[in-house]
Amino acid sequence: MAATRAGQATGLESGAVWGDPLFTAPGQGGTCSWSPASGTGPQPCPQAYTLQPGSPATGAGTAVSGNGGTDYYGTTIAGTPNIGADAG
């Protein structure tokens, strides 16, 4: 998920997280007709890729300064973020 095993074996990865990210409906995103502020529709529906409770990606990210304060979904990122677009 966050790294390749080859990268970890060569010492290029630290703190790797492995496991099923527990997306809500992977592969079921379809196409949405909404237009996010950064682009125009149709766009892939990202709701299929939010994290379910118990995901190993929850709270396993790294805080980045100057990140804009919100994740892909517009959720405020407070404290330690999740890994991926569903960081809030």
PDB file of N, CA and C in Angstrom:
ATOM      1  N   MET A   1       0.834  -1.180   0.000  1.00  0.00           N
ATOM      2  CA  MET A   1       0.000   0.000   0.000  1.00  0.00           C
ATOM      3  C   MET A   1       0.876   1.240   0.000  1.00  0.00           C
ATOM      4  N   ALA A   2       1.742   1.415   1.001  1.00  0.00           N
ATOM      5  CA  ALA A   2       2.532   2.630   1.070  1.00  0.00           C
ATOM      6  C   ALA A   2       3.926   2.454   0.484  1.00  0.00           C
ATOM      7  N   ALA A   3       4.329   1.237   0.224  1.00  0.00           N
ATOM      8  CA  ALA A   3       5.680   0.997  -0.264  1.00  0.00           C
ATOM      9  C   ALA A   3       5.746  -0.351  -0.944  1.00  0.00           C
ATOM     10  N   THR A   4       6.845  -0.569  -1.643  1.00  0.00           N
ATOM     11  CA  THR A   4       7.063  -1.892  -2.212  1.00  0.00           C
ATOM     12  C   THR A   4       7.942  -2.683  -1.269  1.00  0.00           C
ATOM     13  N   ARG A   5       7.798  -3.980  -1.282  1.00  0.00           N
ATOM     14  CA  ARG A   5       8.649  -4.806  -0.427  1.00  0.00           C
ATOM     15  C   ARG A   5      10.103  -4.670  -0.850  1.00  0.00           C
ATOM     16  N   ALA A   6      10.375  -4.487  -2.148  1.00  0.00           N
ATOM     17  CA  ALA A   6      11.745  -4.305  -2.620  1.00  0.00           C
ATOM     18  C   ALA A   6      12.348  -3.046  -2.018  1.00  0.00           C
ATOM     19  N   GLY A   7      11.561  -1.963  -1.970  1.00  0.00           N
ATOM     20  CA  GLY A   7      12.047  -0.727  -1.365  1.00  0.00           C
ATOM     21  C   GLY A   7      12.351  -0.906   0.102  1.00  0.00           C
ATOM     22  N   GLN A   8      11.514  -1.657   0.795  1.00  0.00           N
ATOM     23  CA  GLN A   8      11.735  -1.904   2.214  1.00  0.00           C
ATOM     24  C   GLN A   8      12.985  -2.755   2.412  1.00  0.00           C
ATOM     25  N   ALA A   9      13.175  -3.759   1.567  1.00  0.00           N
ATOM     26  CA  ALA A   9      14.323  -4.649   1.690  1.00  0.00           C
ATOM     27  C   ALA A   9      15.635  -3.911   1.466  1.00  0.00           C
ATOM     28  N   THR A  10      15.639  -2.890   0.643  1.00  0.00           N
ATOM     29  CA  THR A  10      16.866  -2.140   0.368  1.00  0.00           C
ATOM     30  C   THR A  10      17.057  -0.965   1.313  1.00  0.00           C
ATOM     31  N   GLY A  11      16.172  -0.814   2.276  1.00  0.00           N
ATOM     32  CA  GLY A  11      16.308   0.243   3.264  1.00  0.00           C
ATOM     33  C   GLY A  11      15.794   1.597   2.792  1.00  0.00           C
ATOM     34  N   LEU A  12      15.046   1.627   1.698  1.00  0.00           N
ATOM     35  CA  LEU A  12      14.534   2.885   1.183  1.00  0.00           C
ATOM     36  C   LEU A  12      13.188   3.269   1.777  1.00  0.00           C
ATOM     37  N   GLU A  13      12.585   2.382   2.527  1.00  0.00           N
ATOM     38  CA  GLU A  13      11.274   2.639   3.111  1.00  0.00           C
ATOM     39  C   GLU A  13      11.341   2.411   4.611  1.00  0.00           C
ATOM     40  N   SER A  14      10.772   3.333   5.369  1.00  0.00           N
ATOM     41  CA  SER A  14      10.681   3.131   6.813  1.00  0.00           C
ATOM     42  C   SER A  14       9.248   3.375   7.236  1.00  0.00           C
ATOM     43  N   GLY A  15       8.780   2.655   8.202  1.00  0.00           N
ATOM     44  CA  GLY A  15       7.425   2.823   8.697  1.00  0.00           C
ATOM     45  C   GLY A  15       6.352   2.402   7.706  1.00  0.00           C
ATOM     46  N   ALA A  16       6.654   1.434   6.856  1.00  0.00           N
ATOM     47  CA  ALA A  16       5.680   0.986   5.847  1.00  0.00           C
ATOM     48  C   ALA A  16       4.436   0.405   6.514  1.00  0.00           C
ATOM     49  N   VAL A  17       3.305   0.565   5.844  1.00  0.00           N
ATOM     50  CA  VAL A  17       2.039   0.014   6.311  1.00  0.00           C
ATOM     51  C   VAL A  17       1.568  -0.979   5.266  1.00  0.00           C
ATOM     52  N   TRP A  18       1.295  -2.206   5.701  1.00  0.00           N
ATOM     53  CA  TRP A  18       0.872  -3.266   4.784  1.00  0.00           C
ATOM     54  C   TRP A  18      -0.515  -3.739   5.162  1.00  0.00           C
ATOM     55  N   GLY A  19      -1.294  -4.109   4.183  1.00  0.00           N
ATOM     56  CA  GLY A  19      -2.598  -4.685   4.453  1.00  0.00           C
ATOM     57  C   GLY A  19      -3.665  -4.116   3.545  1.00  0.00           C
ATOM     58  N   ASP A  20      -4.831  -4.691   3.636  1.00  0.00           N
ATOM     59  CA  ASP A  20      -5.984  -4.250   2.876  1.00  0.00           C
ATOM     60  C   ASP A  20      -6.385  -2.868   3.393  1.00  0.00           C
ATOM     61  N   PRO A  21      -6.432  -1.830   2.524  1.00  0.00           N
ATOM     62  CA  PRO A  21      -6.782  -0.498   3.009  1.00  0.00           C
ATOM     63  C   PRO A  21      -8.252  -0.363   3.407  1.00  0.00           C
ATOM     64  N   LEU A  22      -9.053  -1.377   3.135  1.00  0.00           N
ATOM     65  CA  LEU A  22     -10.475  -1.374   3.479  1.00  0.00           C
ATOM     66  C   LEU A  22     -11.214  -0.191   2.861  1.00  0.00           C
ATOM     67  N   PHE A  23     -11.088  -0.028   1.542  1.00  0.00           N
ATOM     68  CA  PHE A  23     -11.871   0.974   0.836  1.00  0.00           C
ATOM     69  C   PHE A  23     -13.345   0.585   0.919  1.00  0.00           C
ATOM     70  N   THR A  24     -14.228   1.559   0.866  1.00  0.00           N
ATOM     71  CA  THR A  24     -15.655   1.281   1.002  1.00  0.00           C
ATOM     72  C   THR A  24     -16.200   0.426  -0.136  1.00  0.00           C
ATOM     73  N   ALA A  25     -15.772   0.661  -1.372  1.00  0.00           N
ATOM     74  CA  ALA A  25     -16.273  -0.112  -2.519  1.00  0.00           C
ATOM     75  C   ALA A  25     -15.276  -0.054  -3.681  1.00  0.00           C
ATOM     76  N   PRO A  26     -14.072  -0.613  -3.504  1.00  0.00           N
ATOM     77  CA  PRO A  26     -13.055  -0.501  -4.550  1.00  0.00           C
ATOM     78  C   PRO A  26     -13.533  -1.054  -5.893  1.00  0.00           C
ATOM     79  N   GLY A  27     -13.236  -0.296  -6.955  1.00  0.00           N
ATOM     80  CA  GLY A  27     -13.638  -0.702  -8.288  1.00  0.00           C
ATOM     81  C   GLY A  27     -15.070  -0.376  -8.634  1.00  0.00           C
ATOM     82  N   GLN A  28     -15.808   0.186  -7.690  1.00  0.00           N
ATOM     83  CA  GLN A  28     -17.232   0.473  -7.893  1.00  0.00           C
ATOM     84  C   GLN A  28     -17.510   1.966  -8.009  1.00  0.00           C
ATOM     85  N   GLY A  29     -16.485   2.752  -8.305  1.00  0.00           N
ATOM     86  CA  GLY A  29     -16.637   4.203  -8.338  1.00  0.00           C
ATOM     87  C   GLY A  29     -17.538   4.730  -9.424  1.00  0.00           C
ATOM     88  N   GLY A  30     -17.579   4.062 -10.569  1.00  0.00           N
ATOM     89  CA  GLY A  30     -18.416   4.558 -11.655  1.00  0.00           C
ATOM     90  C   GLY A  30     -18.007   5.951 -12.080  1.00  0.00           C
ATOM     91  N   THR A  31     -18.937   6.717 -12.608  1.00  0.00           N
ATOM     92  CA  THR A  31     -18.665   8.087 -13.044  1.00  0.00           C
ATOM     93  C   THR A  31     -19.678   9.026 -12.413  1.00  0.00           C
ATOM     94  N   CYS A  32     -19.178  10.097 -11.838  1.00  0.00           N
ATOM     95  CA  CYS A  32     -20.031  11.118 -11.223  1.00  0.00           C
ATOM     96  C   CYS A  32     -20.206  12.269 -12.200  1.00  0.00           C
ATOM     97  N   SER A  33     -21.244  13.030 -12.023  1.00  0.00           N
ATOM     98  CA  SER A  33     -21.468  14.171 -12.893  1.00  0.00           C
ATOM     99  C   SER A  33     -21.098  15.492 -12.233  1.00  0.00           C
ATOM    100  N   TRP A  34     -20.660  15.468 -10.974  1.00  0.00           N
ATOM    101  CA  TRP A  34     -20.305  16.699 -10.283  1.00  0.00           C
ATOM    102  C   TRP A  34     -18.985  17.234 -10.801  1.00  0.00           C
ATOM    103  N   SER A  35     -18.752  18.514 -10.569  1.00  0.00           N
ATOM    104  CA  SER A  35     -17.533  19.177 -11.027  1.00  0.00           C
ATOM    105  C   SER A  35     -16.779  19.736  -9.828  1.00  0.00           C
ATOM    106  N   PRO A  36     -15.715  19.053  -9.361  1.00  0.00           N
ATOM    107  CA  PRO A  36     -14.944  19.594  -8.234  1.00  0.00           C
ATOM    108  C   PRO A  36     -14.267  20.902  -8.631  1.00  0.00           C
ATOM    109  N   ALA A  37     -13.880  21.683  -7.651  1.00  0.00           N
ATOM    110  CA  ALA A  37     -13.275  22.988  -7.911  1.00  0.00           C
ATOM    111  C   ALA A  37     -12.015  22.884  -8.771  1.00  0.00           C
ATOM    112  N   SER A  38     -11.319  21.762  -8.700  1.00  0.00           N
ATOM    113  CA  SER A  38     -10.055  21.626  -9.425  1.00  0.00           C
ATOM    114  C   SER A  38     -10.219  21.048 -10.830  1.00  0.00           C
ATOM    115  N   GLY A  39     -11.423  20.785 -11.282  1.00  0.00           N
ATOM    116  CA  GLY A  39     -11.613  20.199 -12.600  1.00  0.00           C
ATOM    117  C   GLY A  39     -13.065  20.276 -13.031  1.00  0.00           C
ATOM    118  N   THR A  40     -13.405  19.564 -14.069  1.00  0.00           N
ATOM    119  CA  THR A  40     -14.780  19.537 -14.542  1.00  0.00           C
ATOM    120  C   THR A  40     -15.253  18.103 -14.644  1.00  0.00           C
ATOM    121  N   GLY A  41     -16.576  17.895 -14.603  1.00  0.00           N
ATOM    122  CA  GLY A  41     -17.143  16.556 -14.689  1.00  0.00           C
ATOM    123  C   GLY A  41     -17.174  16.070 -16.117  1.00  0.00           C
ATOM    124  N   PRO A  42     -17.487  14.822 -16.391  1.00  0.00           N
ATOM    125  CA  PRO A  42     -17.655  13.826 -15.330  1.00  0.00           C
ATOM    126  C   PRO A  42     -16.307  13.367 -14.771  1.00  0.00           C
ATOM    127  N   GLN A  43     -16.328  12.965 -13.549  1.00  0.00           N
ATOM    128  CA  GLN A  43     -15.132  12.495 -12.848  1.00  0.00           C
ATOM    129  C   GLN A  43     -15.418  11.124 -12.254  1.00  0.00           C
ATOM    130  N   PRO A  44     -14.363  10.317 -12.018  1.00  0.00           N
ATOM    131  CA  PRO A  44     -14.595   9.066 -11.296  1.00  0.00           C
ATOM    132  C   PRO A  44     -15.167   9.384  -9.915  1.00  0.00           C
ATOM    133  N   CYS A  45     -16.105   8.593  -9.454  1.00  0.00           N
ATOM    134  CA  CYS A  45     -16.703   8.817  -8.129  1.00  0.00           C
ATOM    135  C   CYS A  45     -15.729   8.353  -7.042  1.00  0.00           C
ATOM    136  N   PRO A  46     -15.171   9.277  -6.307  1.00  0.00           N
ATOM    137  CA  PRO A  46     -14.173   8.906  -5.310  1.00  0.00           C
ATOM    138  C   PRO A  46     -14.755   8.318  -4.028  1.00  0.00           C
ATOM    139  N   GLN A  47     -16.072   8.391  -3.833  1.00  0.00           N
ATOM    140  CA  GLN A  47     -16.655   7.886  -2.594  1.00  0.00           C
ATOM    141  C   GLN A  47     -16.381   6.400  -2.400  1.00  0.00           C
ATOM    142  N   ALA A  48     -16.130   5.668  -3.471  1.00  0.00           N
ATOM    143  CA  ALA A  48     -15.836   4.243  -3.362  1.00  0.00           C
ATOM    144  C   ALA A  48     -14.482   3.990  -2.698  1.00  0.00           C
ATOM    145  N   TYR A  49     -13.678   5.036  -2.587  1.00  0.00           N
ATOM    146  CA  TYR A  49     -12.328   4.880  -2.062  1.00  0.00           C
ATOM    147  C   TYR A  49     -12.101   5.593  -0.733  1.00  0.00           C
ATOM    148  N   THR A  50     -13.175   5.850  -0.002  1.00  0.00           N
ATOM    149  CA  THR A  50     -13.004   6.322   1.368  1.00  0.00           C
ATOM    150  C   THR A  50     -12.659   5.107   2.220  1.00  0.00           C
ATOM    151  N   LEU A  51     -12.144   5.340   3.411  1.00  0.00           N
ATOM    152  CA  LEU A  51     -11.695   4.244   4.274  1.00  0.00           C
ATOM    153  C   LEU A  51     -12.786   3.780   5.229  1.00  0.00           C
ATOM    154  N   GLN A  52     -12.886   2.482   5.392  1.00  0.00           N
ATOM    155  CA  GLN A  52     -13.803   1.908   6.372  1.00  0.00           C
ATOM    156  C   GLN A  52     -13.133   1.933   7.748  1.00  0.00           C
ATOM    157  N   PRO A  53     -13.915   1.893   8.816  1.00  0.00           N
ATOM    158  CA  PRO A  53     -13.323   1.781  10.154  1.00  0.00           C
ATOM    159  C   PRO A  53     -12.419   0.551  10.227  1.00  0.00           C
ATOM    160  N   GLY A  54     -11.297   0.698  10.879  1.00  0.00           N
ATOM    161  CA  GLY A  54     -10.357  -0.408  11.041  1.00  0.00           C
ATOM    162  C   GLY A  54      -9.304  -0.489   9.950  1.00  0.00           C
ATOM    163  N   SER A  55      -9.341   0.433   8.985  1.00  0.00           N
ATOM    164  CA  SER A  55      -8.344   0.434   7.914  1.00  0.00           C
ATOM    165  C   SER A  55      -6.959   0.672   8.500  1.00  0.00           C
ATOM    166  N   PRO A  56      -5.930  -0.087   8.029  1.00  0.00           N
ATOM    167  CA  PRO A  56      -4.575   0.163   8.518  1.00  0.00           C
ATOM    168  C   PRO A  56      -4.040   1.517   8.061  1.00  0.00           C
ATOM    169  N   ALA A  57      -4.698   2.156   7.089  1.00  0.00           N
ATOM    170  CA  ALA A  57      -4.280   3.476   6.601  1.00  0.00           C
ATOM    171  C   ALA A  57      -4.777   4.608   7.505  1.00  0.00           C
ATOM    172  N   THR A  58      -5.713   4.324   8.395  1.00  0.00           N
ATOM    173  CA  THR A  58      -6.282   5.345   9.279  1.00  0.00           C
ATOM    174  C   THR A  58      -5.242   5.792  10.303  1.00  0.00           C
ATOM    175  N   GLY A  59      -4.952   7.091  10.296  1.00  0.00           N
ATOM    176  CA  GLY A  59      -4.008   7.654  11.262  1.00  0.00           C
ATOM    177  C   GLY A  59      -2.574   7.209  11.058  1.00  0.00           C
ATOM    178  N   ALA A  60      -2.253   6.655   9.884  1.00  0.00           N
ATOM    179  CA  ALA A  60      -0.902   6.134   9.642  1.00  0.00           C
ATOM    180  C   ALA A  60      -0.086   7.013   8.695  1.00  0.00           C
ATOM    181  N   GLY A  61      -0.607   8.185   8.333  1.00  0.00           N
ATOM    182  CA  GLY A  61       0.097   9.076   7.415  1.00  0.00           C
ATOM    183  C   GLY A  61       1.092   9.961   8.141  1.00  0.00           C
ATOM    184  N   THR A  62       1.676  10.864   7.398  1.00  0.00           N
ATOM    185  CA  THR A  62       2.640  11.818   7.925  1.00  0.00           C
ATOM    186  C   THR A  62       2.111  13.228   7.675  1.00  0.00           C
ATOM    187  N   ALA A  63       2.117  14.036   8.710  1.00  0.00           N
ATOM    188  CA  ALA A  63       1.667  15.419   8.566  1.00  0.00           C
ATOM    189  C   ALA A  63       2.619  16.175   7.643  1.00  0.00           C
ATOM    190  N   VAL A  64       2.053  16.969   6.745  1.00  0.00           N
ATOM    191  CA  VAL A  64       2.832  17.766   5.798  1.00  0.00           C
ATOM    192  C   VAL A  64       2.439  19.231   5.979  1.00  0.00           C
ATOM    193  N   SER A  65       3.412  20.073   6.237  1.00  0.00           N
ATOM    194  CA  SER A  65       3.086  21.493   6.411  1.00  0.00           C
ATOM    195  C   SER A  65       2.724  22.103   5.060  1.00  0.00           C
ATOM    196  N   GLY A  66       1.837  23.076   5.084  1.00  0.00           N
ATOM    197  CA  GLY A  66       1.427  23.755   3.875  1.00  0.00           C
ATOM    198  C   GLY A  66       0.594  22.896   2.935  1.00  0.00           C
ATOM    199  N   ASN A  67      -0.124  21.918   3.491  1.00  0.00           N
ATOM    200  CA  ASN A  67      -0.906  20.986   2.663  1.00  0.00           C
ATOM    201  C   ASN A  67      -2.285  21.511   2.279  1.00  0.00           C
ATOM    202  N   GLY A  68      -2.615  22.702   2.687  1.00  0.00           N
ATOM    203  CA  GLY A  68      -3.929  23.269   2.362  1.00  0.00           C
ATOM    204  C   GLY A  68      -4.981  23.005   3.419  1.00  0.00           C
ATOM    205  N   GLY A  69      -4.702  22.092   4.350  1.00  0.00           N
ATOM    206  CA  GLY A  69      -5.596  21.862   5.480  1.00  0.00           C
ATOM    207  C   GLY A  69      -6.771  20.942   5.255  1.00  0.00           C
ATOM    208  N   THR A  70      -7.001  20.507   4.002  1.00  0.00           N
ATOM    209  CA  THR A  70      -8.099  19.586   3.738  1.00  0.00           C
ATOM    210  C   THR A  70      -7.632  18.462   2.827  1.00  0.00           C
ATOM    211  N   ASP A  71      -8.365  17.341   2.867  1.00  0.00           N
ATOM    212  CA  ASP A  71      -8.037  16.218   1.990  1.00  0.00           C
ATOM    213  C   ASP A  71      -8.804  16.339   0.675  1.00  0.00           C
ATOM    214  N   TYR A  72      -8.726  15.331  -0.172  1.00  0.00           N
ATOM    215  CA  TYR A  72      -9.384  15.326  -1.475  1.00  0.00           C
ATOM    216  C   TYR A  72     -10.887  15.574  -1.364  1.00  0.00           C
ATOM    217  N   TYR A  73     -11.492  15.085  -0.298  1.00  0.00           N
ATOM    218  CA  TYR A  73     -12.933  15.175  -0.103  1.00  0.00           C
ATOM    219  C   TYR A  73     -13.361  16.477   0.571  1.00  0.00           C
ATOM    220  N   GLY A  74     -12.396  17.340   0.903  1.00  0.00           N
ATOM    221  CA  GLY A  74     -12.705  18.603   1.553  1.00  0.00           C
ATOM    222  C   GLY A  74     -12.795  18.512   3.061  1.00  0.00           C
ATOM    223  N   THR A  75     -12.427  17.365   3.627  1.00  0.00           N
ATOM    224  CA  THR A  75     -12.463  17.171   5.072  1.00  0.00           C
ATOM    225  C   THR A  75     -11.210  17.787   5.699  1.00  0.00           C
ATOM    226  N   THR A  76     -11.377  18.503   6.787  1.00  0.00           N
ATOM    227  CA  THR A  76     -10.244  19.108   7.483  1.00  0.00           C
ATOM    228  C   THR A  76      -9.305  18.026   7.997  1.00  0.00           C
ATOM    229  N   ILE A  77      -8.019  18.231   7.778  1.00  0.00           N
ATOM    230  CA  ILE A  77      -6.998  17.303   8.272  1.00  0.00           C
ATOM    231  C   ILE A  77      -6.529  17.844   9.621  1.00  0.00           C
ATOM    232  N   ALA A  78      -6.842  17.114  10.667  1.00  0.00           N
ATOM    233  CA  ALA A  78      -6.438  17.510  12.017  1.00  0.00           C
ATOM    234  C   ALA A  78      -5.598  16.396  12.630  1.00  0.00           C
ATOM    235  N   GLY A  79      -4.462  16.738  13.154  1.00  0.00           N
ATOM    236  CA  GLY A  79      -3.601  15.725  13.765  1.00  0.00           C
ATOM    237  C   GLY A  79      -2.928  14.855  12.715  1.00  0.00           C
ATOM    238  N   THR A  80      -2.690  13.605  13.063  1.00  0.00           N
ATOM    239  CA  THR A  80      -2.032  12.665  12.155  1.00  0.00           C
ATOM    240  C   THR A  80      -3.012  12.243  11.070  1.00  0.00           C
ATOM    241  N   PRO A  81      -2.682  12.480   9.796  1.00  0.00           N
ATOM    242  CA  PRO A  81      -3.610  12.155   8.715  1.00  0.00           C
ATOM    243  C   PRO A  81      -3.640  10.662   8.399  1.00  0.00           C
ATOM    244  N   ASN A  82      -4.654  10.272   7.659  1.00  0.00           N
ATOM    245  CA  ASN A  82      -4.711   8.924   7.108  1.00  0.00           C
ATOM    246  C   ASN A  82      -3.794   8.885   5.889  1.00  0.00           C
ATOM    247  N   ILE A  83      -3.450   7.710   5.425  1.00  0.00           N
ATOM    248  CA  ILE A  83      -2.703   7.562   4.191  1.00  0.00           C
ATOM    249  C   ILE A  83      -3.698   7.635   3.043  1.00  0.00           C
ATOM    250  N   GLY A  84      -3.390   8.410   2.017  1.00  0.00           N
ATOM    251  CA  GLY A  84      -4.228   8.475   0.823  1.00  0.00           C
ATOM    252  C   GLY A  84      -5.080   9.725   0.751  1.00  0.00           C
ATOM    253  N   ALA A  85      -5.984   9.744  -0.195  1.00  0.00           N
ATOM    254  CA  ALA A  85      -6.823  10.914  -0.453  1.00  0.00           C
ATOM    255  C   ALA A  85      -7.808  11.182   0.665  1.00  0.00           C
ATOM    256  N   ASP A  86      -8.195  10.133   1.406  1.00  0.00           N
ATOM    257  CA  ASP A  86      -9.142  10.253   2.534  1.00  0.00           C
ATOM    258  C   ASP A  86      -8.325  10.514   3.798  1.00  0.00           C
ATOM    259  N   ALA A  87      -7.639  11.666   3.840  1.00  0.00           N
ATOM    260  CA  ALA A  87      -6.696  11.954   4.922  1.00  0.00           C
ATOM    261  C   ALA A  87      -7.327  12.513   6.176  1.00  0.00           C
ATOM    262  N   GLY A  88      -8.553  13.030   6.076  1.00  0.00           N
ATOM    263  CA  GLY A  88      -9.177  13.712   7.210  1.00  0.00           C
ATOM    264  C   GLY A  88      -9.798  12.867   8.179  1.00  0.00           C
TER     265      GLY A  88
END
